[in-house]
Amino acid sequence: MDILDIGCGFRPYEGRPGIDNVVTIDQNPRCNPTHTFEVIKGKQFPVKESSFDLIVASHFLEHVDDVPWCMEQIHRAGKPGSEVRITVPHFSAPSSYQDPTHRRHLSSRCMDYFDSKKGLYECGYTTVDFRIQKAQSRFRNNITGFIRSIPSKLFGTRIHEKYISRFVPIAELYFELKVVK
């Protein structure tokens, strides 16, 4: 399986040794990525079109200026039907604001703009298309995280975001998308 890890940092996606081909991209050369690359609008990711089965972007999108353009680059890199896994801090999490390099604070509906089956796609920010397979709120793995997850489980993420997240923050969001070409 060909895997692209965008913004790999010091803990890149490992894959299965001897089976998976993992290509990593990060702007920090100390992370020892396959490609050192600073995301700048108009500059294509240094990978071939339609060449990856799985694309991982963990805590990457909150660092970029232009999310629609980055999603277009992710779409370009993915094979038809490939899986995209995205993890971002939720806007209510303190970690979303503590990192001075975070440029975006994202919500549970941020990927709706990229799925033509969702109403927000009609806003026209992009022409690429994904299908949202999974959208999850995540909480810290401890007793406090379990307690904080109860409102989302009872009322759903959108109600939690709108009315409760100021008092009971969501740690991060996880999305699984499918590339539609």
N, C-alpha and C. Protein backbone atom coordinates (compact mmCIF):
# COMPACT_ATOMS: atom_id res chain seq x y z
N MET A 1 0.84 -1.17 0.00
CA MET A 1 0.00 0.00 0.00
C MET A 1 0.89 1.24 0.00
N ASP A 2 0.56 2.21 -0.83
CA ASP A 2 1.30 3.47 -0.89
C ASP A 2 0.62 4.48 0.02
N ILE A 3 1.38 5.01 0.98
CA ILE A 3 0.85 5.89 2.02
C ILE A 3 1.59 7.22 2.00
N LEU A 4 0.83 8.31 2.09
CA LEU A 4 1.39 9.65 2.19
C LEU A 4 1.04 10.21 3.56
N ASP A 5 2.06 10.63 4.32
CA ASP A 5 1.87 11.24 5.63
C ASP A 5 2.28 12.71 5.50
N ILE A 6 1.28 13.59 5.54
CA ILE A 6 1.52 15.03 5.36
C ILE A 6 1.64 15.67 6.74
N GLY A 7 2.74 16.39 6.95
CA GLY A 7 2.99 17.00 8.26
C GLY A 7 3.34 15.93 9.28
N CYS A 8 4.23 15.03 8.89
CA CYS A 8 4.53 13.83 9.68
C CYS A 8 5.11 14.13 11.06
N GLY A 9 5.84 15.23 11.19
CA GLY A 9 6.46 15.55 12.47
C GLY A 9 7.45 14.48 12.88
N PHE A 10 7.66 14.34 14.19
CA PHE A 10 8.64 13.38 14.71
C PHE A 10 8.05 11.98 14.90
N ARG A 11 6.75 11.83 14.66
CA ARG A 11 6.10 10.51 14.79
C ARG A 11 5.36 10.18 13.50
N PRO A 12 6.09 9.83 12.45
CA PRO A 12 5.43 9.53 11.18
C PRO A 12 4.61 8.25 11.24
N TYR A 13 3.65 8.16 10.33
CA TYR A 13 2.85 6.95 10.18
C TYR A 13 3.79 5.84 9.77
N GLU A 14 3.75 4.72 10.46
CA GLU A 14 4.75 3.68 10.21
C GLU A 14 4.34 2.67 9.16
N GLY A 15 3.09 2.32 9.06
CA GLY A 15 2.70 1.29 8.11
C GLY A 15 3.25 -0.07 8.51
N ARG A 16 3.13 -1.03 7.62
CA ARG A 16 3.61 -2.39 7.88
C ARG A 16 4.97 -2.56 7.21
N PRO A 17 6.01 -2.86 7.97
CA PRO A 17 7.35 -3.01 7.40
C PRO A 17 7.38 -4.05 6.28
N GLY A 18 8.00 -3.67 5.18
CA GLY A 18 8.14 -4.57 4.04
C GLY A 18 6.92 -4.67 3.16
N ILE A 19 5.79 -4.10 3.59
CA ILE A 19 4.56 -4.16 2.81
C ILE A 19 4.16 -2.78 2.32
N ASP A 20 4.18 -1.80 3.22
CA ASP A 20 3.73 -0.45 2.88
C ASP A 20 4.90 0.44 2.48
N ASN A 21 4.63 1.29 1.51
CA ASN A 21 5.58 2.32 1.09
C ASN A 21 5.07 3.64 1.66
N VAL A 22 5.75 4.18 2.67
CA VAL A 22 5.31 5.41 3.32
C VAL A 22 6.19 6.57 2.87
N VAL A 23 5.54 7.60 2.31
CA VAL A 23 6.21 8.83 1.90
C VAL A 23 5.78 9.91 2.89
N THR A 24 6.75 10.65 3.43
CA THR A 24 6.44 11.67 4.43
C THR A 24 6.80 13.06 3.91
N ILE A 25 5.98 14.04 4.32
CA ILE A 25 6.20 15.44 3.97
C ILE A 25 6.15 16.25 5.26
N ASP A 26 7.14 17.11 5.47
CA ASP A 26 7.11 18.03 6.60
C ASP A 26 8.01 19.21 6.25
N GLN A 27 7.70 20.38 6.79
CA GLN A 27 8.55 21.54 6.51
C GLN A 27 9.79 21.57 7.40
N ASN A 28 9.79 20.77 8.46
CA ASN A 28 10.91 20.74 9.39
C ASN A 28 11.90 19.63 8.99
N PRO A 29 13.09 19.99 8.51
CA PRO A 29 14.05 18.95 8.10
C PRO A 29 14.52 18.07 9.25
N ARG A 30 14.41 18.55 10.50
CA ARG A 30 14.82 17.73 11.65
C ARG A 30 13.91 16.51 11.84
N CYS A 31 12.74 16.53 11.22
CA CYS A 31 11.82 15.37 11.29
C CYS A 31 12.25 14.27 10.34
N ASN A 32 13.24 14.55 9.50
CA ASN A 32 13.75 13.59 8.53
C ASN A 32 12.66 13.06 7.59
N PRO A 33 11.87 13.97 6.98
CA PRO A 33 10.83 13.52 6.06
C PRO A 33 11.41 13.10 4.72
N THR A 34 10.62 12.36 3.95
CA THR A 34 11.02 12.02 2.58
C THR A 34 11.20 13.31 1.78
N HIS A 35 10.26 14.26 1.95
CA HIS A 35 10.31 15.55 1.27
C HIS A 35 10.19 16.67 2.30
N THR A 36 11.16 17.60 2.30
CA THR A 36 11.04 18.80 3.11
C THR A 36 10.29 19.81 2.24
N PHE A 37 9.16 20.27 2.73
CA PHE A 37 8.28 21.08 1.89
C PHE A 37 7.48 22.03 2.75
N GLU A 38 7.53 23.31 2.42
CA GLU A 38 6.70 24.30 3.09
C GLU A 38 5.45 24.51 2.26
N VAL A 39 4.31 24.36 2.88
CA VAL A 39 3.04 24.49 2.17
C VAL A 39 2.79 25.96 1.85
N ILE A 40 2.80 26.26 0.57
CA ILE A 40 2.54 27.61 0.08
C ILE A 40 1.52 27.47 -1.04
N LYS A 41 0.45 28.26 -0.98
CA LYS A 41 -0.59 28.17 -2.00
C LYS A 41 0.02 28.33 -3.39
N GLY A 42 -0.41 27.46 -4.29
CA GLY A 42 0.08 27.50 -5.66
C GLY A 42 1.24 26.56 -5.91
N LYS A 43 1.86 26.07 -4.86
CA LYS A 43 3.00 25.16 -4.98
C LYS A 43 2.50 23.74 -4.70
N GLN A 44 2.55 22.88 -5.70
CA GLN A 44 2.02 21.52 -5.55
C GLN A 44 2.84 20.70 -4.57
N PHE A 45 2.16 19.81 -3.85
CA PHE A 45 2.87 18.86 -3.01
C PHE A 45 3.83 18.07 -3.90
N PRO A 46 5.02 17.74 -3.41
CA PRO A 46 6.04 17.08 -4.25
C PRO A 46 5.79 15.58 -4.43
N VAL A 47 4.59 15.25 -4.92
CA VAL A 47 4.23 13.85 -5.16
C VAL A 47 3.48 13.76 -6.49
N LYS A 48 3.48 12.56 -7.06
CA LYS A 48 2.77 12.33 -8.32
C LYS A 48 1.26 12.30 -8.09
N GLU A 49 0.54 12.68 -9.12
CA GLU A 49 -0.92 12.65 -9.08
C GLU A 49 -1.43 11.22 -9.00
N SER A 50 -2.49 11.02 -8.25
CA SER A 50 -3.19 9.72 -8.12
C SER A 50 -2.24 8.58 -7.78
N SER A 51 -1.41 8.78 -6.76
CA SER A 51 -0.40 7.76 -6.47
C SER A 51 -0.49 7.14 -5.07
N PHE A 52 -1.46 7.53 -4.25
CA PHE A 52 -1.51 7.01 -2.88
C PHE A 52 -2.86 6.36 -2.56
N ASP A 53 -2.77 5.24 -1.83
CA ASP A 53 -3.96 4.51 -1.37
C ASP A 53 -4.50 5.08 -0.07
N LEU A 54 -3.60 5.62 0.74
CA LEU A 54 -3.96 6.18 2.04
C LEU A 54 -3.17 7.46 2.25
N ILE A 55 -3.88 8.51 2.67
CA ILE A 55 -3.23 9.79 2.98
C ILE A 55 -3.59 10.13 4.43
N VAL A 56 -2.56 10.42 5.22
CA VAL A 56 -2.72 10.74 6.63
C VAL A 56 -2.28 12.19 6.84
N ALA A 57 -3.13 12.97 7.49
CA ALA A 57 -2.79 14.36 7.82
C ALA A 57 -3.19 14.57 9.28
N SER A 58 -2.28 14.27 10.19
CA SER A 58 -2.56 14.37 11.61
C SER A 58 -1.98 15.68 12.15
N HIS A 59 -2.86 16.54 12.62
CA HIS A 59 -2.48 17.84 13.17
C HIS A 59 -1.64 18.63 12.17
N PHE A 60 -2.19 18.74 10.98
CA PHE A 60 -1.54 19.46 9.88
C PHE A 60 -2.41 20.62 9.38
N LEU A 61 -3.69 20.38 9.12
CA LEU A 61 -4.53 21.40 8.48
C LEU A 61 -4.65 22.69 9.28
N GLU A 62 -4.55 22.61 10.59
CA GLU A 62 -4.67 23.83 11.39
C GLU A 62 -3.47 24.76 11.21
N HIS A 63 -2.42 24.27 10.56
CA HIS A 63 -1.21 25.07 10.35
C HIS A 63 -1.18 25.80 9.00
N VAL A 64 -2.14 25.53 8.11
CA VAL A 64 -2.06 26.08 6.76
C VAL A 64 -2.96 27.30 6.59
N ASP A 65 -2.56 28.16 5.66
CA ASP A 65 -3.34 29.36 5.38
C ASP A 65 -4.61 29.07 4.59
N ASP A 66 -4.53 28.11 3.66
CA ASP A 66 -5.63 27.87 2.73
C ASP A 66 -6.04 26.40 2.75
N VAL A 67 -7.02 26.07 3.58
CA VAL A 67 -7.47 24.68 3.71
C VAL A 67 -8.05 24.14 2.41
N PRO A 68 -8.91 24.89 1.67
CA PRO A 68 -9.42 24.34 0.41
C PRO A 68 -8.30 23.97 -0.57
N TRP A 69 -7.28 24.80 -0.67
CA TRP A 69 -6.17 24.49 -1.58
C TRP A 69 -5.45 23.22 -1.12
N CYS A 70 -5.23 23.07 0.19
CA CYS A 70 -4.58 21.85 0.69
C CYS A 70 -5.43 20.62 0.42
N MET A 71 -6.73 20.74 0.57
CA MET A 71 -7.61 19.60 0.27
C MET A 71 -7.54 19.25 -1.21
N GLU A 72 -7.37 20.24 -2.06
CA GLU A 72 -7.19 19.98 -3.49
C GLU A 72 -5.89 19.21 -3.74
N GLN A 73 -4.84 19.54 -3.01
CA GLN A 73 -3.58 18.83 -3.15
C GLN A 73 -3.69 17.39 -2.63
N ILE A 74 -4.40 17.21 -1.55
CA ILE A 74 -4.64 15.87 -1.02
C ILE A 74 -5.43 15.05 -2.04
N HIS A 75 -6.45 15.66 -2.62
CA HIS A 75 -7.26 14.99 -3.64
C HIS A 75 -6.40 14.61 -4.84
N ARG A 76 -5.54 15.51 -5.26
CA ARG A 76 -4.65 15.26 -6.40
C ARG A 76 -3.74 14.07 -6.13
N ALA A 77 -3.24 13.95 -4.91
CA ALA A 77 -2.30 12.88 -4.56
C ALA A 77 -2.98 11.52 -4.42
N GLY A 78 -4.26 11.51 -4.07
CA GLY A 78 -4.96 10.25 -3.82
C GLY A 78 -5.43 9.56 -5.09
N LYS A 79 -5.39 8.24 -5.05
CA LYS A 79 -5.97 7.43 -6.13
C LYS A 79 -7.49 7.52 -6.01
N PRO A 80 -8.23 7.23 -7.08
CA PRO A 80 -9.69 7.17 -6.95
C PRO A 80 -10.08 6.15 -5.87
N GLY A 81 -10.92 6.57 -4.94
CA GLY A 81 -11.35 5.69 -3.87
C GLY A 81 -10.40 5.57 -2.70
N SER A 82 -9.28 6.29 -2.74
CA SER A 82 -8.32 6.18 -1.64
C SER A 82 -8.90 6.78 -0.36
N GLU A 83 -8.33 6.38 0.76
CA GLU A 83 -8.78 6.82 2.07
C GLU A 83 -7.91 7.97 2.56
N VAL A 84 -8.56 8.97 3.17
CA VAL A 84 -7.86 10.11 3.76
C VAL A 84 -8.25 10.16 5.24
N ARG A 85 -7.24 10.20 6.11
CA ARG A 85 -7.48 10.29 7.56
C ARG A 85 -6.94 11.62 8.06
N ILE A 86 -7.82 12.42 8.61
CA ILE A 86 -7.45 13.77 9.06
C ILE A 86 -7.78 13.90 10.54
N THR A 87 -6.81 14.39 11.31
CA THR A 87 -7.02 14.69 12.73
C THR A 87 -6.62 16.14 12.95
N VAL A 88 -7.49 16.89 13.61
CA VAL A 88 -7.22 18.30 13.92
C VAL A 88 -7.69 18.58 15.35
N PRO A 89 -7.09 19.59 16.01
CA PRO A 89 -7.64 19.97 17.31
C PRO A 89 -9.00 20.64 17.11
N HIS A 90 -9.90 20.41 18.03
CA HIS A 90 -11.21 21.07 17.98
C HIS A 90 -11.05 22.51 18.45
N PHE A 91 -11.87 23.41 17.92
CA PHE A 91 -11.73 24.82 18.28
C PHE A 91 -11.90 25.08 19.76
N SER A 92 -12.59 24.21 20.48
CA SER A 92 -12.81 24.44 21.91
C SER A 92 -11.66 23.94 22.78
N ALA A 93 -10.71 23.22 22.19
CA ALA A 93 -9.59 22.66 22.96
C ALA A 93 -8.54 23.73 23.22
N PRO A 94 -8.02 23.81 24.43
CA PRO A 94 -6.93 24.76 24.70
C PRO A 94 -5.74 24.57 23.76
N SER A 95 -5.47 23.34 23.35
CA SER A 95 -4.34 23.09 22.45
C SER A 95 -4.52 23.75 21.08
N SER A 96 -5.74 24.06 20.72
CA SER A 96 -5.98 24.73 19.45
C SER A 96 -5.39 26.15 19.46
N TYR A 97 -5.30 26.74 20.64
CA TYR A 97 -4.82 28.12 20.77
C TYR A 97 -3.42 28.24 21.34
N GLN A 98 -2.89 27.21 21.97
CA GLN A 98 -1.59 27.35 22.62
C GLN A 98 -0.44 27.36 21.64
N ASP A 99 -0.60 26.75 20.47
CA ASP A 99 0.48 26.69 19.48
C ASP A 99 0.41 27.94 18.60
N PRO A 100 1.44 28.79 18.63
CA PRO A 100 1.40 30.02 17.84
C PRO A 100 1.44 29.80 16.33
N THR A 101 1.71 28.57 15.89
CA THR A 101 1.73 28.31 14.45
C THR A 101 0.36 27.84 13.93
N HIS A 102 -0.62 27.69 14.82
CA HIS A 102 -1.97 27.33 14.36
C HIS A 102 -2.63 28.54 13.73
N ARG A 103 -3.09 28.37 12.50
CA ARG A 103 -3.74 29.45 11.77
C ARG A 103 -5.24 29.27 11.68
N ARG A 104 -5.73 28.07 11.96
CA ARG A 104 -7.14 27.74 11.84
C ARG A 104 -7.63 27.04 13.11
N HIS A 105 -8.88 27.27 13.43
CA HIS A 105 -9.54 26.59 14.54
C HIS A 105 -10.79 25.96 13.94
N LEU A 106 -10.84 24.63 13.94
CA LEU A 106 -11.79 23.90 13.11
C LEU A 106 -12.91 23.26 13.92
N SER A 107 -14.05 23.06 13.23
CA SER A 107 -15.23 22.47 13.86
C SER A 107 -15.60 21.16 13.18
N SER A 108 -16.62 20.51 13.70
CA SER A 108 -17.04 19.21 13.19
C SER A 108 -17.58 19.28 11.76
N ARG A 109 -17.94 20.44 11.28
CA ARG A 109 -18.49 20.56 9.92
C ARG A 109 -17.46 21.04 8.91
N CYS A 110 -16.21 21.18 9.29
CA CYS A 110 -15.21 21.76 8.38
C CYS A 110 -15.00 20.92 7.12
N MET A 111 -15.22 19.61 7.18
CA MET A 111 -15.05 18.77 5.99
C MET A 111 -16.29 18.73 5.11
N ASP A 112 -17.42 19.25 5.60
CA ASP A 112 -18.64 19.26 4.80
C ASP A 112 -18.49 20.08 3.52
N TYR A 113 -17.57 21.02 3.50
CA TYR A 113 -17.33 21.85 2.32
C TYR A 113 -16.72 21.05 1.17
N PHE A 114 -16.22 19.86 1.46
CA PHE A 114 -15.51 19.07 0.45
C PHE A 114 -16.26 17.81 0.04
N ASP A 115 -17.48 17.64 0.52
CA ASP A 115 -18.31 16.48 0.18
C ASP A 115 -19.54 16.99 -0.57
N SER A 116 -19.64 16.64 -1.87
CA SER A 116 -20.73 17.17 -2.70
C SER A 116 -22.11 16.69 -2.25
N LYS A 117 -22.17 15.72 -1.36
CA LYS A 117 -23.46 15.26 -0.82
C LYS A 117 -23.91 16.10 0.37
N LYS A 118 -23.07 17.02 0.80
CA LYS A 118 -23.40 17.90 1.93
C LYS A 118 -23.76 19.28 1.40
N GLY A 119 -24.63 19.98 2.09
CA GLY A 119 -25.09 21.28 1.64
C GLY A 119 -24.02 22.35 1.55
N LEU A 120 -22.99 22.29 2.39
CA LEU A 120 -21.97 23.34 2.38
C LEU A 120 -21.08 23.29 1.14
N TYR A 121 -21.05 22.16 0.44
CA TYR A 121 -20.25 22.04 -0.79
C TYR A 121 -20.70 23.08 -1.81
N GLU A 122 -21.99 23.41 -1.78
CA GLU A 122 -22.55 24.38 -2.74
C GLU A 122 -21.96 25.77 -2.59
N CYS A 123 -21.26 26.04 -1.50
CA CYS A 123 -20.60 27.34 -1.33
C CYS A 123 -19.56 27.57 -2.41
N GLY A 124 -19.04 26.49 -3.00
CA GLY A 124 -18.15 26.61 -4.14
C GLY A 124 -16.71 26.94 -3.84
N TYR A 125 -16.21 26.58 -2.66
CA TYR A 125 -14.81 26.86 -2.33
C TYR A 125 -13.85 25.97 -3.09
N THR A 126 -14.34 24.86 -3.62
CA THR A 126 -13.48 23.92 -4.33
C THR A 126 -14.31 23.09 -5.30
N THR A 127 -13.64 22.45 -6.23
CA THR A 127 -14.33 21.55 -7.16
C THR A 127 -13.98 20.09 -6.89
N VAL A 128 -13.03 19.82 -5.99
CA VAL A 128 -12.68 18.43 -5.67
C VAL A 128 -13.76 17.84 -4.77
N ASP A 129 -13.87 16.52 -4.79
CA ASP A 129 -14.96 15.87 -4.08
C ASP A 129 -14.44 14.70 -3.24
N PHE A 130 -14.92 14.64 -2.03
CA PHE A 130 -14.64 13.55 -1.10
C PHE A 130 -15.97 13.06 -0.54
N ARG A 131 -16.00 11.86 0.00
CA ARG A 131 -17.14 11.38 0.77
C ARG A 131 -16.67 11.23 2.21
N ILE A 132 -17.40 11.84 3.11
CA ILE A 132 -17.09 11.70 4.52
C ILE A 132 -17.58 10.32 4.96
N GLN A 133 -16.65 9.48 5.38
CA GLN A 133 -16.98 8.13 5.84
C GLN A 133 -17.18 8.10 7.36
N LYS A 134 -16.43 8.95 8.05
CA LYS A 134 -16.50 8.98 9.51
C LYS A 134 -16.12 10.37 9.99
N ALA A 135 -16.81 10.86 11.00
CA ALA A 135 -16.47 12.12 11.67
C ALA A 135 -16.68 11.89 13.16
N GLN A 136 -15.60 12.00 13.93
CA GLN A 136 -15.67 11.69 15.36
C GLN A 136 -15.11 12.83 16.20
N SER A 137 -15.74 13.04 17.34
CA SER A 137 -15.17 13.89 18.39
C SER A 137 -14.30 12.99 19.24
N ARG A 138 -13.14 13.49 19.64
CA ARG A 138 -12.26 12.70 20.50
C ARG A 138 -11.95 13.49 21.77
N PHE A 139 -11.78 12.74 22.83
CA PHE A 139 -11.49 13.30 24.14
C PHE A 139 -10.25 12.63 24.68
N ARG A 140 -9.63 13.20 25.67
CA ARG A 140 -8.43 12.62 26.26
C ARG A 140 -8.73 11.24 26.82
N ASN A 141 -7.73 10.37 26.78
CA ASN A 141 -7.89 8.99 27.26
C ASN A 141 -7.64 8.89 28.76
N ASN A 142 -8.54 9.42 29.53
CA ASN A 142 -8.47 9.28 30.99
C ASN A 142 -9.89 9.45 31.53
N ILE A 143 -10.04 9.42 32.82
CA ILE A 143 -11.38 9.50 33.40
C ILE A 143 -12.03 10.84 33.07
N THR A 144 -11.25 11.92 33.06
CA THR A 144 -11.80 13.22 32.71
C THR A 144 -12.28 13.22 31.26
N GLY A 145 -11.50 12.61 30.37
CA GLY A 145 -11.91 12.52 28.97
C GLY A 145 -13.19 11.73 28.81
N PHE A 146 -13.33 10.65 29.56
CA PHE A 146 -14.56 9.86 29.51
C PHE A 146 -15.76 10.70 29.95
N ILE A 147 -15.60 11.42 31.04
CA ILE A 147 -16.70 12.25 31.55
C ILE A 147 -17.04 13.34 30.54
N ARG A 148 -16.02 13.95 29.94
CA ARG A 148 -16.26 15.00 28.95
C ARG A 148 -16.93 14.49 27.68
N SER A 149 -16.75 13.21 27.38
CA SER A 149 -17.36 12.66 26.16
C SER A 149 -18.86 12.43 26.29
N ILE A 150 -19.38 12.41 27.50
CA ILE A 150 -20.79 12.10 27.73
C ILE A 150 -21.73 13.05 26.99
N PRO A 151 -21.55 14.40 27.02
CA PRO A 151 -22.47 15.26 26.28
C PRO A 151 -22.51 14.97 24.78
N SER A 152 -21.37 14.68 24.17
CA SER A 152 -21.36 14.37 22.74
C SER A 152 -22.11 13.08 22.46
N LYS A 153 -21.94 12.10 23.35
CA LYS A 153 -22.63 10.82 23.16
C LYS A 153 -24.14 10.99 23.35
N LEU A 154 -24.54 11.83 24.29
CA LEU A 154 -25.96 12.03 24.56
C LEU A 154 -26.65 12.91 23.52
N PHE A 155 -25.98 14.01 23.13
CA PHE A 155 -26.64 15.01 22.30
C PHE A 155 -26.09 15.11 20.88
N GLY A 156 -24.94 14.50 20.61
CA GLY A 156 -24.31 14.62 19.30
C GLY A 156 -23.29 15.75 19.30
N THR A 157 -22.35 15.66 18.38
CA THR A 157 -21.24 16.63 18.34
C THR A 157 -21.72 18.05 18.07
N ARG A 158 -22.67 18.24 17.16
CA ARG A 158 -23.08 19.61 16.81
C ARG A 158 -23.74 20.32 17.99
N ILE A 159 -24.58 19.64 18.72
CA ILE A 159 -25.20 20.24 19.91
C ILE A 159 -24.12 20.52 20.95
N HIS A 160 -23.20 19.56 21.12
CA HIS A 160 -22.09 19.74 22.07
C HIS A 160 -21.29 20.99 21.69
N GLU A 161 -20.96 21.13 20.39
CA GLU A 161 -20.19 22.30 19.94
C GLU A 161 -20.91 23.60 20.25
N LYS A 162 -22.17 23.64 19.90
CA LYS A 162 -22.92 24.90 19.98
C LYS A 162 -23.20 25.34 21.42
N TYR A 163 -23.53 24.41 22.29
CA TYR A 163 -24.00 24.80 23.62
C TYR A 163 -23.09 24.42 24.78
N ILE A 164 -22.26 23.40 24.61
CA ILE A 164 -21.56 22.84 25.76
C ILE A 164 -20.03 22.98 25.68
N SER A 165 -19.48 23.13 24.48
CA SER A 165 -18.02 23.05 24.32
C SER A 165 -17.25 24.14 25.06
N ARG A 166 -17.89 25.26 25.38
CA ARG A 166 -17.21 26.29 26.18
C ARG A 166 -16.87 25.78 27.57
N PHE A 167 -17.72 24.91 28.07
CA PHE A 167 -17.55 24.39 29.43
C PHE A 167 -16.90 23.01 29.45
N VAL A 168 -17.16 22.24 28.40
CA VAL A 168 -16.65 20.87 28.29
C VAL A 168 -16.02 20.74 26.90
N PRO A 169 -14.74 21.12 26.75
CA PRO A 169 -14.12 21.14 25.42
C PRO A 169 -13.91 19.75 24.83
N ILE A 170 -13.98 19.72 23.51
CA ILE A 170 -13.66 18.52 22.72
C ILE A 170 -12.17 18.62 22.41
N ALA A 171 -11.40 17.55 22.59
CA ALA A 171 -9.94 17.60 22.37
C ALA A 171 -9.60 17.71 20.88
N GLU A 172 -10.13 16.80 20.08
CA GLU A 172 -9.79 16.82 18.66
C GLU A 172 -10.90 16.18 17.84
N LEU A 173 -10.79 16.38 16.53
CA LEU A 173 -11.73 15.80 15.57
C LEU A 173 -10.97 14.84 14.67
N TYR A 174 -11.62 13.76 14.31
CA TYR A 174 -11.03 12.76 13.42
C TYR A 174 -12.00 12.52 12.27
N PHE A 175 -11.48 12.59 11.05
CA PHE A 175 -12.29 12.37 9.85
C PHE A 175 -11.67 11.28 9.00
N GLU A 176 -12.51 10.46 8.41
CA GLU A 176 -12.09 9.55 7.35
C GLU A 176 -12.88 9.93 6.11
N LEU A 177 -12.15 10.22 5.05
CA LEU A 177 -12.76 10.63 3.79
C LEU A 177 -12.38 9.64 2.70
N LYS A 178 -13.18 9.60 1.66
CA LYS A 178 -12.88 8.79 0.49
C LYS A 178 -12.74 9.74 -0.70
N VAL A 179 -11.66 9.59 -1.46
CA VAL A 179 -11.42 10.44 -2.63
C VAL A 179 -12.38 10.03 -3.75
N VAL A 180 -13.11 11.00 -4.29
CA VAL A 180 -14.02 10.76 -5.41
C VAL A 180 -13.42 11.41 -6.65
N LYS A 181 -13.12 10.59 -7.65
CA LYS A 181 -12.57 11.12 -8.92
C LYS A 181 -13.37 10.56 -10.07
